[in-house]
């Protein structure tokens, strides 16, 4: 029996709501394209600042870029001025978005100091205005991502969820931490049940879901309608498809072979170079190379050397040598080989 059911986000039916979380500097078009190829209920763009979207900065346009295979496309916006958020949402609608996601969960100091992200959980009247302006500005469904609250003395996610439902939000995602926790401690999946009980909307649980067992436990504890996977997908664009299979009681696909992973890394690298150019592409790809190779033989040595190489063809040759060496060695035991 399936552990998860389809949900509706406006006209968009998500058959298996296992969603790739928006992560700045990670879930760009190259990574999302690979995740979607393996399988994902939905992918969400990196968080885009509404002001940058309006100015159409190069970085914001790169973040908003998407591949047809991702449809329906969910674009995430952050901001603190209702009318500017509305303008940015309209631009995203014109660019082909199917869903607008509002970020009220980002804990990063730069975002919070700009009165955006999770800082809005300290100002529910402004949060309501921002939601209202965004919903009215577009014909698309609008969703909301939040945390439990600012800190453990103000766990107001259920209250914000009720406000959001009243303003026309279609779906809510809750990361089971407060802003003040940042990414420390462990996500409180059970708390998300308070949000689920507060609204009639679909609710998605997020935070620390890094395996099939995590996904099952998070669903059971939260009573949520789906799961969102973030850091668990680092270096494993195939994980979401595996979780989807497990939650729908299908055979879980095996991890790609080393040969397949090698090919995937090369493709991902090429996609990043195509989007960002040589200099930025090489720099931005380094963290992905670290995640892909973690746990393999001599991966620490590989990372420590490849991170100082600035020429893409040299990096590709190093990737080829690294994976060729893996084929000659016994399979590593977990991450201890790193």
Foldseek 3Di string as FASTA:
>chain_A
DFQFAWADQDPDIQGAAAEADADPLAPFALLVVLLVVLNHSAYEFHEAELVCLVVVDLVNVRSLDYDPSRPQYEYEYKAQDQQSLLVSLVSSVVVRHQEYEYAQAQLDPVRVVRVIHVVCLVPLVSVLSNLLSNPVSDPHAYAYEHELGQAPVRRCLLVSLLSNVVSRHAEYEYFQHHSVCNQDDFRDLLSLLSNVVSDPHAYEYETPQQALVSQSVSCVNNVGNHYYYYPSCQLPSNRSSQNSCVSGVHDRDDGDDLVVLLVSLVSSLVVLCVSPNQQVSLQSCLSSLLRNCQQAACSVVLSVPSNPDRGVVVSNVSSVVRSVVRVVDDGGDGRPND
